[in-house]
Amino acid sequence: MATHKSAIKRHRQSLRRRARNRHIKVGTGTLVKRFKASVDAGDRDAATTNLAAATRAIRKAATKGIIPKTRASRQVSRLAKALNGLS
């Protein structure tokens, strides 16, 4: 454990940031899973709605710096491609 006052503060900050980042990542993953489940079920209306929610969450996470912007772009592209492949 850190003993310097500044190191203790940095540790507290890192714990808060880690909790925030995990919360956003888990929430984003849940939305992506919902989208994939609706695609697998073949429900185009639900998939469209879920795609919008997942895209919004992924882009917001990238804006906040939680995931890299290039990864967010790739994920959104793959999700949109999955929706377009649904006949």
C-alpha atoms as a PDB file:
ATOM      1  CA  MET A   1       0.000   0.000   0.000  1.00  0.00           C
ATOM      2  CA  ALA A   2       1.169   3.513  -0.760  1.00  0.00           C
ATOM      3  CA  THR A   3       2.447   5.649   2.099  1.00  0.00           C
ATOM      4  CA  HIS A   4       2.865   9.094   0.521  1.00  0.00           C
ATOM      5  CA  LYS A   5      -0.135  11.374   0.692  1.00  0.00           C
ATOM      6  CA  SER A   6      -0.154  11.921  -3.081  1.00  0.00           C
ATOM      7  CA  ALA A   7       0.208   8.191  -3.774  1.00  0.00           C
ATOM      8  CA  ILE A   8      -2.746   7.420  -1.509  1.00  0.00           C
ATOM      9  CA  LYS A   9      -4.829   9.961  -3.420  1.00  0.00           C
ATOM     10  CA  ARG A  10      -3.759   8.490  -6.771  1.00  0.00           C
ATOM     11  CA  HIS A  11      -4.774   5.041  -5.528  1.00  0.00           C
ATOM     12  CA  ARG A  12      -8.212   6.325  -4.512  1.00  0.00           C
ATOM     13  CA  GLN A  13      -8.627   7.976  -7.899  1.00  0.00           C
ATOM     14  CA  SER A  14      -7.580   4.844  -9.764  1.00  0.00           C
ATOM     15  CA  LEU A  15     -10.147   2.758  -7.869  1.00  0.00           C
ATOM     16  CA  ARG A  16     -12.911   5.228  -8.735  1.00  0.00           C
ATOM     17  CA  ARG A  17     -11.892   5.314 -12.401  1.00  0.00           C
ATOM     18  CA  ARG A  18     -11.641   1.521 -12.569  1.00  0.00           C
ATOM     19  CA  ALA A  19     -15.152   1.163 -11.147  1.00  0.00           C
ATOM     20  CA  ARG A  20     -16.531   3.709 -13.633  1.00  0.00           C
ATOM     21  CA  ASN A  21     -14.776   2.099 -16.592  1.00  0.00           C
ATOM     22  CA  ARG A  22     -15.932  -1.405 -15.641  1.00  0.00           C
ATOM     23  CA  HIS A  23     -19.514  -0.203 -15.256  1.00  0.00           C
ATOM     24  CA  ILE A  24     -19.522   1.330 -18.732  1.00  0.00           C
ATOM     25  CA  LYS A  25     -17.770  -1.660 -20.358  1.00  0.00           C
ATOM     26  CA  VAL A  26     -20.159  -4.167 -18.810  1.00  0.00           C
ATOM     27  CA  GLY A  27     -23.184  -2.091 -19.813  1.00  0.00           C
ATOM     28  CA  THR A  28     -21.914  -1.809 -23.369  1.00  0.00           C
ATOM     29  CA  GLY A  29     -21.314  -5.551 -23.538  1.00  0.00           C
ATOM     30  CA  THR A  30     -24.850  -6.215 -22.354  1.00  0.00           C
ATOM     31  CA  LEU A  31     -26.293  -4.030 -25.110  1.00  0.00           C
ATOM     32  CA  VAL A  32     -24.160  -5.791 -27.723  1.00  0.00           C
ATOM     33  CA  LYS A  33     -25.339  -9.194 -26.449  1.00  0.00           C
ATOM     34  CA  ARG A  34     -28.964  -8.045 -26.693  1.00  0.00           C
ATOM     35  CA  PHE A  35     -28.367  -6.968 -30.279  1.00  0.00           C
ATOM     36  CA  LYS A  36     -26.718 -10.279 -31.199  1.00  0.00           C
ATOM     37  CA  ALA A  37     -29.569 -12.229 -29.582  1.00  0.00           C
ATOM     38  CA  SER A  38     -32.152 -10.308 -31.614  1.00  0.00           C
ATOM     39  CA  VAL A  39     -30.140 -10.921 -34.811  1.00  0.00           C
ATOM     40  CA  ASP A  40     -29.936 -14.644 -34.029  1.00  0.00           C
ATOM     41  CA  ALA A  41     -33.687 -14.679 -33.419  1.00  0.00           C
ATOM     42  CA  GLY A  42     -34.212 -12.976 -36.791  1.00  0.00           C
ATOM     43  CA  ASP A  43     -36.178 -10.086 -35.292  1.00  0.00           C
ATOM     44  CA  ARG A  44     -35.248  -7.134 -37.517  1.00  0.00           C
ATOM     45  CA  ASP A  45     -37.241  -4.485 -35.611  1.00  0.00           C
ATOM     46  CA  ALA A  46     -35.710  -5.394 -32.253  1.00  0.00           C
ATOM     47  CA  ALA A  47     -32.276  -5.666 -33.856  1.00  0.00           C
ATOM     48  CA  THR A  48     -32.587  -2.149 -35.286  1.00  0.00           C
ATOM     49  CA  THR A  49     -33.548  -0.737 -31.896  1.00  0.00           C
ATOM     50  CA  ASN A  50     -30.807  -2.658 -30.122  1.00  0.00           C
ATOM     51  CA  LEU A  51     -28.239  -1.589 -32.728  1.00  0.00           C
ATOM     52  CA  ALA A  52     -28.996   2.074 -32.029  1.00  0.00           C
ATOM     53  CA  ALA A  53     -28.567   1.559 -28.280  1.00  0.00           C
ATOM     54  CA  ALA A  54     -25.362  -0.468 -28.657  1.00  0.00           C
ATOM     55  CA  THR A  55     -23.868   2.013 -31.128  1.00  0.00           C
ATOM     56  CA  ARG A  56     -24.627   4.919 -28.816  1.00  0.00           C
ATOM     57  CA  ALA A  57     -22.992   3.151 -25.859  1.00  0.00           C
ATOM     58  CA  ILE A  58     -19.900   2.102 -27.848  1.00  0.00           C
ATOM     59  CA  ARG A  59     -19.346   5.585 -29.278  1.00  0.00           C
ATOM     60  CA  LYS A  60     -19.825   7.188 -25.869  1.00  0.00           C
ATOM     61  CA  ALA A  61     -17.272   4.814 -24.326  1.00  0.00           C
ATOM     62  CA  ALA A  62     -14.815   5.773 -27.077  1.00  0.00           C
ATOM     63  CA  THR A  63     -15.443   9.471 -26.502  1.00  0.00           C
ATOM     64  CA  LYS A  64     -14.730   9.038 -22.788  1.00  0.00           C
ATOM     65  CA  GLY A  65     -11.497   7.201 -23.607  1.00  0.00           C
ATOM     66  CA  ILE A  66     -12.625   3.902 -22.096  1.00  0.00           C
ATOM     67  CA  ILE A  67     -12.065   2.042 -25.354  1.00  0.00           C
ATOM     68  CA  PRO A  68      -9.971   3.173 -28.330  1.00  0.00           C
ATOM     69  CA  LYS A  69     -11.831   5.034 -31.089  1.00  0.00           C
ATOM     70  CA  THR A  70     -10.630   2.597 -33.749  1.00  0.00           C
ATOM     71  CA  ARG A  71     -11.985  -0.382 -31.814  1.00  0.00           C
ATOM     72  CA  ALA A  72     -15.314   1.384 -31.358  1.00  0.00           C
ATOM     73  CA  SER A  73     -15.475   2.103 -35.070  1.00  0.00           C
ATOM     74  CA  ARG A  74     -14.706  -1.527 -35.913  1.00  0.00           C
ATOM     75  CA  GLN A  75     -17.326  -2.859 -33.471  1.00  0.00           C
ATOM     76  CA  VAL A  76     -20.041  -0.535 -34.789  1.00  0.00           C
ATOM     77  CA  SER A  77     -19.171  -1.516 -38.351  1.00  0.00           C
ATOM     78  CA  ARG A  78     -19.423  -5.227 -37.565  1.00  0.00           C
ATOM     79  CA  LEU A  79     -22.751  -4.797 -35.788  1.00  0.00           C
ATOM     80  CA  ALA A  80     -24.185  -2.809 -38.702  1.00  0.00           C
ATOM     81  CA  LYS A  81     -22.917  -5.470 -41.096  1.00  0.00           C
ATOM     82  CA  ALA A  82     -24.676  -8.156 -39.039  1.00  0.00           C
ATOM     83  CA  LEU A  83     -27.943  -6.200 -39.217  1.00  0.00           C
ATOM     84  CA  ASN A  84     -27.621  -5.710 -42.967  1.00  0.00           C
ATOM     85  CA  GLY A  85     -26.972  -9.437 -43.429  1.00  0.00           C
ATOM     86  CA  LEU A  86     -30.316 -10.156 -41.799  1.00  0.00           C
ATOM     87  CA  SER A  87     -32.829 -10.926 -44.529  1.00  0.00           C
END
